[in-house]
């Protein structure tokens, strides 16, 4: 049996089966999050940016950052960051300025247009948080447990990358 077919089986109660189901859920949730963001922007009539770019604007928020800082925070991978930052600057969602200390580095921050997108994503997430809480989908303790578990997996994976020769 291939790993792919194992991932899709949710009735496998072995540790490996449960781990693969968790990996599949994380991946599906991320894709679903991007679809939810895309749908929100279609609803409000902002069609020139994609969900990844909207999430990037949200994650930058009120900060002034470099592409390297976004990558080091684990939000984005390699050229994906540079490409999307350039597109967002070209479309007027971000300002960019060469860093005084390291002239090779470019710092970016949101324009008013970019802050509007960031605020739209923030409002969407606030509605989701309210809905999850009000409908008792997840309690604060549930979210805390999920976050604690995901942070442990993140540390384990980070250690795997760091200590592989």
N, C-alpha and C. Protein backbone atom coordinates (compact mmCIF):
# COMPACT_ATOMS: atom_id res chain seq x y z
N UNK A 1 0.85 -1.17 0.00
CA UNK A 1 0.00 0.00 0.00
C UNK A 1 0.90 1.24 0.00
N UNK A 2 0.58 2.22 -0.83
CA UNK A 2 1.38 3.44 -0.90
C UNK A 2 1.06 4.34 0.28
N UNK A 3 2.00 5.28 0.55
CA UNK A 3 1.78 6.23 1.64
C UNK A 3 0.55 7.08 1.35
N UNK A 4 0.37 7.48 0.09
CA UNK A 4 -0.77 8.34 -0.26
C UNK A 4 -2.08 7.66 0.10
N UNK A 5 -2.22 6.39 -0.24
CA UNK A 5 -3.49 5.73 0.09
C UNK A 5 -3.64 5.55 1.59
N UNK A 6 -2.52 5.42 2.31
CA UNK A 6 -2.59 5.33 3.77
C UNK A 6 -3.06 6.64 4.37
N UNK A 7 -2.60 7.76 3.81
CA UNK A 7 -2.97 9.06 4.34
C UNK A 7 -4.48 9.27 4.29
N UNK A 8 -5.12 8.79 3.25
CA UNK A 8 -6.54 9.05 3.08
C UNK A 8 -7.42 8.14 3.93
N UNK A 9 -6.85 7.09 4.53
CA UNK A 9 -7.66 6.20 5.37
C UNK A 9 -7.78 6.78 6.77
N UNK A 10 -8.97 7.12 7.18
CA UNK A 10 -9.14 7.71 8.51
C UNK A 10 -9.49 6.67 9.57
N UNK A 11 -9.66 5.42 9.17
CA UNK A 11 -10.01 4.39 10.16
C UNK A 11 -8.80 3.60 10.63
N UNK A 12 -7.60 3.98 10.24
CA UNK A 12 -6.38 3.32 10.67
C UNK A 12 -6.03 3.82 12.07
N UNK A 13 -6.11 2.95 13.06
CA UNK A 13 -5.90 3.36 14.45
C UNK A 13 -4.46 3.18 14.92
N UNK A 14 -3.56 2.74 14.03
CA UNK A 14 -2.16 2.64 14.43
C UNK A 14 -1.60 4.04 14.60
N UNK A 15 -0.48 4.13 15.33
CA UNK A 15 0.15 5.44 15.52
C UNK A 15 0.49 6.06 14.18
N UNK A 16 1.06 5.25 13.27
CA UNK A 16 1.42 5.75 11.95
C UNK A 16 0.16 6.22 11.20
N UNK A 17 -0.89 5.48 11.29
CA UNK A 17 -2.14 5.86 10.62
C UNK A 17 -2.69 7.17 11.15
N UNK A 18 -2.66 7.32 12.46
CA UNK A 18 -3.15 8.56 13.08
C UNK A 18 -2.26 9.75 12.73
N UNK A 19 -0.94 9.51 12.68
CA UNK A 19 0.01 10.56 12.31
C UNK A 19 -0.24 11.00 10.87
N UNK A 20 -0.42 10.06 9.97
CA UNK A 20 -0.68 10.40 8.57
C UNK A 20 -2.00 11.13 8.41
N UNK A 21 -3.00 10.75 9.20
CA UNK A 21 -4.28 11.47 9.14
C UNK A 21 -4.09 12.91 9.62
N UNK A 22 -3.30 13.10 10.68
CA UNK A 22 -3.04 14.46 11.19
C UNK A 22 -2.32 15.29 10.12
N UNK A 23 -1.33 14.71 9.45
CA UNK A 23 -0.63 15.42 8.38
C UNK A 23 -1.60 15.82 7.26
N UNK A 24 -2.45 14.90 6.90
CA UNK A 24 -3.44 15.17 5.86
C UNK A 24 -4.39 16.29 6.27
N UNK A 25 -4.82 16.27 7.53
CA UNK A 25 -5.72 17.32 8.03
C UNK A 25 -5.05 18.69 8.02
N UNK A 26 -3.79 18.76 8.43
CA UNK A 26 -3.07 20.04 8.43
C UNK A 26 -2.99 20.58 7.00
N UNK A 27 -2.63 19.71 6.07
CA UNK A 27 -2.52 20.13 4.67
C UNK A 27 -3.88 20.58 4.13
N UNK A 28 -4.92 19.80 4.39
CA UNK A 28 -6.26 20.16 3.90
C UNK A 28 -6.76 21.45 4.53
N UNK A 29 -6.50 21.62 5.83
CA UNK A 29 -6.94 22.85 6.50
C UNK A 29 -6.25 24.08 5.92
N UNK A 30 -4.97 23.96 5.60
CA UNK A 30 -4.27 25.09 4.99
C UNK A 30 -4.88 25.45 3.63
N UNK A 31 -5.12 24.43 2.81
CA UNK A 31 -5.75 24.69 1.50
C UNK A 31 -7.15 25.27 1.67
N UNK A 32 -7.88 24.76 2.64
CA UNK A 32 -9.23 25.26 2.91
C UNK A 32 -9.20 26.70 3.40
N UNK A 33 -8.22 27.02 4.25
CA UNK A 33 -8.05 28.40 4.71
C UNK A 33 -7.86 29.33 3.51
N UNK A 34 -7.01 28.94 2.57
CA UNK A 34 -6.79 29.76 1.39
C UNK A 34 -8.08 29.91 0.57
N UNK A 35 -8.87 28.84 0.48
CA UNK A 35 -10.16 28.92 -0.24
C UNK A 35 -11.13 29.87 0.47
N UNK A 36 -11.15 29.82 1.80
CA UNK A 36 -12.04 30.70 2.58
C UNK A 36 -11.64 32.16 2.37
N UNK A 37 -10.33 32.43 2.38
CA UNK A 37 -9.85 33.80 2.15
C UNK A 37 -10.20 34.24 0.73
N UNK A 38 -9.98 33.37 -0.23
CA UNK A 38 -10.31 33.69 -1.63
C UNK A 38 -11.80 34.02 -1.77
N UNK A 39 -12.65 33.22 -1.17
CA UNK A 39 -14.10 33.46 -1.22
C UNK A 39 -14.46 34.80 -0.59
N UNK A 40 -13.82 35.15 0.52
CA UNK A 40 -14.10 36.42 1.19
C UNK A 40 -13.73 37.59 0.27
N UNK A 41 -12.59 37.50 -0.40
CA UNK A 41 -12.18 38.59 -1.27
C UNK A 41 -13.04 38.68 -2.52
N UNK A 42 -13.54 37.55 -2.99
CA UNK A 42 -14.50 37.59 -4.10
C UNK A 42 -15.79 38.27 -3.63
N UNK A 43 -16.21 37.96 -2.40
CA UNK A 43 -17.44 38.53 -1.84
C UNK A 43 -17.35 40.05 -1.72
N UNK A 44 -16.17 40.55 -1.30
CA UNK A 44 -16.01 42.00 -1.13
C UNK A 44 -15.50 42.68 -2.40
N UNK A 45 -15.29 41.92 -3.48
CA UNK A 45 -14.93 42.49 -4.77
C UNK A 45 -13.47 42.86 -4.95
N UNK A 46 -12.59 42.26 -4.16
CA UNK A 46 -11.15 42.46 -4.35
C UNK A 46 -10.63 41.23 -5.09
N UNK A 47 -10.38 41.39 -6.39
CA UNK A 47 -10.04 40.23 -7.21
C UNK A 47 -8.62 40.24 -7.73
N UNK A 48 -7.87 41.33 -7.51
CA UNK A 48 -6.54 41.40 -8.12
C UNK A 48 -5.46 40.70 -7.31
N UNK A 49 -5.74 40.33 -6.08
CA UNK A 49 -4.73 39.59 -5.30
C UNK A 49 -5.27 38.20 -4.98
N UNK A 50 -4.35 37.29 -4.75
CA UNK A 50 -4.78 35.93 -4.40
C UNK A 50 -4.74 35.73 -2.89
N UNK A 51 -5.19 34.57 -2.44
CA UNK A 51 -5.30 34.30 -1.01
C UNK A 51 -3.94 34.28 -0.32
N UNK A 52 -2.92 33.75 -0.99
CA UNK A 52 -1.58 33.72 -0.40
C UNK A 52 -1.09 35.15 -0.18
N UNK A 53 -1.33 36.02 -1.15
CA UNK A 53 -0.92 37.42 -1.02
C UNK A 53 -1.70 38.13 0.09
N UNK A 54 -2.99 37.85 0.19
CA UNK A 54 -3.80 38.44 1.25
C UNK A 54 -3.30 37.99 2.63
N UNK A 55 -2.96 36.72 2.75
CA UNK A 55 -2.45 36.19 4.02
C UNK A 55 -1.08 36.80 4.33
N UNK A 56 -0.27 37.01 3.31
CA UNK A 56 1.03 37.64 3.50
C UNK A 56 0.84 39.07 4.03
N UNK A 57 -0.10 39.82 3.45
CA UNK A 57 -0.38 41.17 3.93
C UNK A 57 -0.85 41.15 5.39
N UNK A 58 -1.70 40.19 5.72
CA UNK A 58 -2.18 40.04 7.10
C UNK A 58 -1.00 39.78 8.04
N UNK A 59 -0.10 38.87 7.64
CA UNK A 59 1.03 38.51 8.50
C UNK A 59 2.03 39.64 8.66
N UNK A 60 2.17 40.49 7.65
CA UNK A 60 3.05 41.66 7.79
C UNK A 60 2.39 42.66 8.73
N UNK A 61 1.08 42.89 8.55
CA UNK A 61 0.34 43.79 9.42
C UNK A 61 0.99 45.15 9.54
N UNK A 62 1.18 45.64 10.74
CA UNK A 62 1.76 46.95 10.97
C UNK A 62 3.27 46.95 11.04
N UNK A 63 3.90 45.82 10.73
CA UNK A 63 5.36 45.72 10.84
C UNK A 63 6.05 46.17 9.56
N UNK A 64 7.33 46.45 9.67
CA UNK A 64 8.19 46.67 8.51
C UNK A 64 9.17 45.50 8.52
N UNK A 65 9.18 44.70 7.45
CA UNK A 65 9.93 43.45 7.45
C UNK A 65 10.69 43.26 6.14
N UNK A 66 11.60 42.29 6.15
CA UNK A 66 12.26 41.85 4.92
C UNK A 66 11.68 40.50 4.52
N UNK A 67 11.93 40.11 3.28
CA UNK A 67 11.50 38.78 2.82
C UNK A 67 12.13 37.70 3.69
N UNK A 68 13.39 37.91 4.07
CA UNK A 68 14.09 36.94 4.92
C UNK A 68 13.41 36.76 6.26
N UNK A 69 12.93 37.85 6.83
CA UNK A 69 12.23 37.76 8.11
C UNK A 69 10.93 36.97 7.97
N UNK A 70 10.21 37.17 6.88
CA UNK A 70 8.98 36.41 6.65
C UNK A 70 9.30 34.93 6.51
N UNK A 71 10.38 34.61 5.79
CA UNK A 71 10.78 33.20 5.63
C UNK A 71 11.21 32.61 6.96
N UNK A 72 11.99 33.39 7.74
CA UNK A 72 12.50 32.85 9.01
C UNK A 72 11.37 32.64 10.02
N UNK A 73 10.29 33.39 9.88
CA UNK A 73 9.14 33.19 10.77
C UNK A 73 8.35 31.95 10.34
N UNK A 74 8.69 31.39 9.19
CA UNK A 74 8.06 30.17 8.75
C UNK A 74 6.77 30.37 7.98
N UNK A 75 6.46 31.61 7.59
CA UNK A 75 5.21 31.85 6.88
C UNK A 75 5.28 31.40 5.42
N UNK A 76 6.45 31.58 4.79
CA UNK A 76 6.53 31.40 3.34
C UNK A 76 7.84 30.75 2.95
N UNK A 77 7.86 30.19 1.77
CA UNK A 77 9.05 29.53 1.26
C UNK A 77 9.70 30.35 0.15
N UNK A 78 11.02 30.39 0.16
CA UNK A 78 11.89 30.90 -0.89
C UNK A 78 11.36 31.94 -1.85
N UNK A 79 11.37 31.59 -3.12
CA UNK A 79 11.02 32.55 -4.17
C UNK A 79 9.56 32.96 -4.09
N UNK A 80 8.73 32.14 -3.46
CA UNK A 80 7.32 32.48 -3.27
C UNK A 80 7.19 33.84 -2.57
N UNK A 81 8.03 34.07 -1.57
CA UNK A 81 7.98 35.34 -0.83
C UNK A 81 8.40 36.48 -1.74
N UNK A 82 9.55 36.34 -2.36
CA UNK A 82 10.08 37.41 -3.21
C UNK A 82 9.11 37.75 -4.34
N UNK A 83 8.58 36.72 -4.99
CA UNK A 83 7.63 36.94 -6.09
C UNK A 83 6.40 37.70 -5.60
N UNK A 84 5.80 37.22 -4.51
CA UNK A 84 4.58 37.85 -4.01
C UNK A 84 4.84 39.25 -3.47
N UNK A 85 5.96 39.48 -2.81
CA UNK A 85 6.28 40.83 -2.34
C UNK A 85 6.42 41.79 -3.52
N UNK A 86 7.10 41.35 -4.57
CA UNK A 86 7.27 42.20 -5.76
C UNK A 86 5.91 42.52 -6.38
N UNK A 87 5.05 41.52 -6.51
CA UNK A 87 3.72 41.74 -7.07
C UNK A 87 2.93 42.73 -6.21
N UNK A 88 3.00 42.57 -4.89
CA UNK A 88 2.25 43.43 -3.98
C UNK A 88 2.77 44.87 -4.02
N UNK A 89 4.07 45.03 -4.17
CA UNK A 89 4.64 46.38 -4.32
C UNK A 89 4.16 46.97 -5.64
N UNK A 90 4.25 46.19 -6.73
CA UNK A 90 3.83 46.67 -8.06
C UNK A 90 2.36 47.06 -8.08
N UNK A 91 1.52 46.37 -7.32
CA UNK A 91 0.08 46.65 -7.31
C UNK A 91 -0.30 47.72 -6.27
N UNK A 92 0.68 48.22 -5.52
CA UNK A 92 0.41 49.30 -4.58
C UNK A 92 -0.07 48.88 -3.21
N UNK A 93 0.13 47.60 -2.85
CA UNK A 93 -0.29 47.13 -1.53
C UNK A 93 0.82 47.29 -0.49
N UNK A 94 2.07 47.48 -0.98
CA UNK A 94 3.22 47.61 -0.08
C UNK A 94 4.16 48.69 -0.60
N UNK A 95 4.87 49.32 0.35
CA UNK A 95 6.00 50.19 0.04
C UNK A 95 7.25 49.35 0.22
N UNK A 96 8.30 49.64 -0.53
CA UNK A 96 9.57 48.99 -0.26
C UNK A 96 10.68 50.03 -0.21
N UNK A 97 11.69 49.72 0.59
CA UNK A 97 12.80 50.64 0.77
C UNK A 97 14.05 49.81 1.04
N UNK A 98 15.14 50.19 0.39
CA UNK A 98 16.41 49.52 0.60
C UNK A 98 16.85 49.73 2.05
N UNK A 99 17.31 48.67 2.68
CA UNK A 99 17.75 48.73 4.08
C UNK A 99 19.03 49.57 4.19
N UNK A 100 19.07 50.48 5.16
CA UNK A 100 20.24 51.35 5.35
C UNK A 100 21.49 50.55 5.70
N UNK A 101 21.34 49.54 6.55
CA UNK A 101 22.49 48.77 7.04
C UNK A 101 22.99 47.79 5.98
N UNK A 102 22.09 47.00 5.40
CA UNK A 102 22.44 46.00 4.39
C UNK A 102 21.76 46.39 3.09
N UNK A 103 22.48 47.02 2.19
CA UNK A 103 21.90 47.55 0.95
C UNK A 103 21.31 46.46 0.06
N UNK A 104 21.67 45.20 0.29
CA UNK A 104 21.09 44.10 -0.51
C UNK A 104 19.68 43.77 -0.06
N UNK A 105 19.36 44.14 1.15
CA UNK A 105 18.07 43.79 1.75
C UNK A 105 17.05 44.91 1.52
N UNK A 106 15.82 44.51 1.25
CA UNK A 106 14.73 45.46 1.05
C UNK A 106 13.70 45.26 2.15
N UNK A 107 13.31 46.35 2.79
CA UNK A 107 12.28 46.31 3.82
C UNK A 107 10.96 46.72 3.20
N UNK A 108 9.90 46.05 3.61
CA UNK A 108 8.57 46.37 3.08
C UNK A 108 7.61 46.66 4.23
N UNK A 109 6.62 47.49 3.93
CA UNK A 109 5.53 47.74 4.88
C UNK A 109 4.28 48.00 4.06
N UNK A 110 3.13 47.87 4.69
CA UNK A 110 1.86 48.01 4.00
C UNK A 110 1.54 49.46 3.67
N UNK A 111 0.92 49.64 2.51
CA UNK A 111 0.33 50.93 2.17
C UNK A 111 -1.07 50.94 2.77
N UNK A 112 -1.78 52.03 2.59
CA UNK A 112 -3.18 52.10 3.04
C UNK A 112 -4.00 50.99 2.39
N UNK A 113 -3.75 50.77 1.10
CA UNK A 113 -4.45 49.71 0.35
C UNK A 113 -4.13 48.34 0.96
N UNK A 114 -2.87 48.13 1.32
CA UNK A 114 -2.46 46.87 1.94
C UNK A 114 -3.06 46.70 3.32
N UNK A 115 -3.14 47.79 4.08
CA UNK A 115 -3.75 47.72 5.42
C UNK A 115 -5.23 47.36 5.32
N UNK A 116 -5.89 47.83 4.27
CA UNK A 116 -7.30 47.49 4.07
C UNK A 116 -7.45 45.97 3.88
N UNK A 117 -6.58 45.37 3.08
CA UNK A 117 -6.62 43.92 2.87
C UNK A 117 -6.32 43.20 4.18
N UNK A 118 -5.29 43.65 4.90
CA UNK A 118 -4.94 43.03 6.19
C UNK A 118 -6.11 43.10 7.16
N UNK A 119 -6.78 44.25 7.19
CA UNK A 119 -7.93 44.42 8.07
C UNK A 119 -9.08 43.50 7.67
N UNK A 120 -9.27 43.31 6.36
CA UNK A 120 -10.33 42.41 5.87
C UNK A 120 -10.08 40.98 6.33
N UNK A 121 -8.82 40.53 6.24
CA UNK A 121 -8.48 39.18 6.70
C UNK A 121 -8.67 39.09 8.22
N UNK A 122 -8.25 40.12 8.93
CA UNK A 122 -8.40 40.14 10.39
C UNK A 122 -9.88 40.04 10.79
N UNK A 123 -10.73 40.80 10.11
CA UNK A 123 -12.17 40.75 10.40
C UNK A 123 -12.74 39.37 10.09
N UNK A 124 -12.28 38.75 9.00
CA UNK A 124 -12.72 37.39 8.66
C UNK A 124 -12.35 36.43 9.79
N UNK A 125 -11.10 36.51 10.26
CA UNK A 125 -10.65 35.62 11.32
C UNK A 125 -11.41 35.89 12.63
N UNK A 126 -11.73 37.16 12.90
CA UNK A 126 -12.53 37.48 14.09
C UNK A 126 -13.91 36.85 14.00
N UNK A 127 -14.55 36.91 12.83
CA UNK A 127 -15.86 36.27 12.64
C UNK A 127 -15.75 34.77 12.84
N UNK A 128 -14.68 34.17 12.32
CA UNK A 128 -14.49 32.72 12.51
C UNK A 128 -14.31 32.38 13.98
N UNK A 129 -13.48 33.14 14.67
CA UNK A 129 -13.24 32.88 16.09
C UNK A 129 -14.55 32.99 16.87
N UNK A 130 -15.33 34.03 16.59
CA UNK A 130 -16.62 34.21 17.27
C UNK A 130 -17.55 33.03 16.96
N UNK A 131 -17.60 32.63 15.69
CA UNK A 131 -18.47 31.52 15.30
C UNK A 131 -18.07 30.21 15.95
N UNK A 132 -16.77 29.92 15.97
CA UNK A 132 -16.28 28.69 16.60
C UNK A 132 -16.60 28.67 18.09
N UNK A 133 -16.44 29.83 18.72
CA UNK A 133 -16.72 29.91 20.16
C UNK A 133 -18.22 29.86 20.44
N UNK A 134 -19.00 30.66 19.73
CA UNK A 134 -20.45 30.74 19.98
C UNK A 134 -21.18 29.44 19.67
N UNK A 135 -20.70 28.71 18.68
CA UNK A 135 -21.33 27.43 18.32
C UNK A 135 -20.70 26.26 19.09
N UNK A 136 -19.79 26.58 19.99
CA UNK A 136 -19.10 25.58 20.82
C UNK A 136 -18.41 24.51 19.98
N UNK A 137 -17.86 24.93 18.82
CA UNK A 137 -17.09 24.00 17.98
C UNK A 137 -15.78 23.66 18.69
N UNK A 138 -15.13 24.68 19.25
CA UNK A 138 -13.91 24.51 20.02
C UNK A 138 -13.97 25.39 21.26
N UNK A 139 -13.61 24.83 22.39
CA UNK A 139 -13.51 25.63 23.62
C UNK A 139 -12.11 26.27 23.64
N UNK A 140 -11.92 27.28 24.48
CA UNK A 140 -10.56 27.83 24.64
C UNK A 140 -9.55 26.74 25.02
N UNK A 141 -9.97 25.78 25.84
CA UNK A 141 -9.06 24.69 26.23
C UNK A 141 -8.72 23.81 25.02
N UNK A 142 -9.70 23.58 24.14
CA UNK A 142 -9.45 22.80 22.92
C UNK A 142 -8.39 23.48 22.06
N UNK A 143 -8.56 24.80 21.86
CA UNK A 143 -7.61 25.54 21.03
C UNK A 143 -6.22 25.51 21.67
N UNK A 144 -6.17 25.66 22.98
CA UNK A 144 -4.89 25.62 23.68
C UNK A 144 -4.22 24.26 23.49
N UNK A 145 -4.99 23.20 23.58
CA UNK A 145 -4.44 21.85 23.40
C UNK A 145 -3.94 21.65 21.97
N UNK A 146 -4.71 22.11 20.98
CA UNK A 146 -4.29 22.01 19.57
C UNK A 146 -2.98 22.77 19.38
N UNK A 147 -2.93 24.01 19.87
CA UNK A 147 -1.73 24.84 19.69
C UNK A 147 -0.51 24.21 20.37
N UNK A 148 -0.70 23.69 21.57
CA UNK A 148 0.40 23.05 22.29
C UNK A 148 0.93 21.85 21.50
N UNK A 149 0.02 21.04 21.00
CA UNK A 149 0.42 19.86 20.23
C UNK A 149 1.12 20.25 18.93
N UNK A 150 0.58 21.23 18.22
CA UNK A 150 1.20 21.65 16.96
C UNK A 150 2.58 22.27 17.19
N UNK A 151 2.75 23.01 18.28
CA UNK A 151 4.07 23.57 18.59
C UNK A 151 5.08 22.47 18.88
N UNK A 152 4.64 21.39 19.54
CA UNK A 152 5.55 20.27 19.80
C UNK A 152 5.98 19.61 18.50
N UNK A 153 5.04 19.42 17.58
CA UNK A 153 5.38 18.84 16.27
C UNK A 153 6.33 19.78 15.53
N UNK A 154 6.05 21.08 15.58
CA UNK A 154 6.92 22.06 14.92
C UNK A 154 8.35 21.97 15.47
N UNK A 155 8.49 21.90 16.79
CA UNK A 155 9.83 21.79 17.39
C UNK A 155 10.51 20.50 16.96
N UNK A 156 9.77 19.39 16.93
CA UNK A 156 10.34 18.11 16.53
C UNK A 156 10.83 18.18 15.08
N UNK A 157 9.99 18.69 14.17
CA UNK A 157 10.39 18.79 12.76
C UNK A 157 11.59 19.73 12.60
N UNK A 158 11.58 20.85 13.33
CA UNK A 158 12.69 21.79 13.26
C UNK A 158 13.98 21.11 13.70
N UNK A 159 13.91 20.34 14.77
CA UNK A 159 15.08 19.61 15.25
C UNK A 159 15.54 18.59 14.21
N UNK A 160 14.60 17.95 13.52
CA UNK A 160 14.97 16.99 12.49
C UNK A 160 15.76 17.66 11.36
N UNK A 161 15.33 18.83 10.97
CA UNK A 161 16.01 19.56 9.90
C UNK A 161 17.38 20.03 10.38
N UNK A 162 17.43 20.55 11.59
CA UNK A 162 18.65 21.13 12.14
C UNK A 162 19.73 20.09 12.33
N UNK A 163 19.37 18.87 12.71
CA UNK A 163 20.37 17.89 13.11
C UNK A 163 20.61 16.79 12.08
N UNK A 164 20.04 16.94 10.90
CA UNK A 164 20.33 15.98 9.83
C UNK A 164 21.61 16.44 9.14
N UNK A 165 22.52 15.52 8.95
CA UNK A 165 23.83 15.90 8.37
C UNK A 165 23.79 15.85 6.89
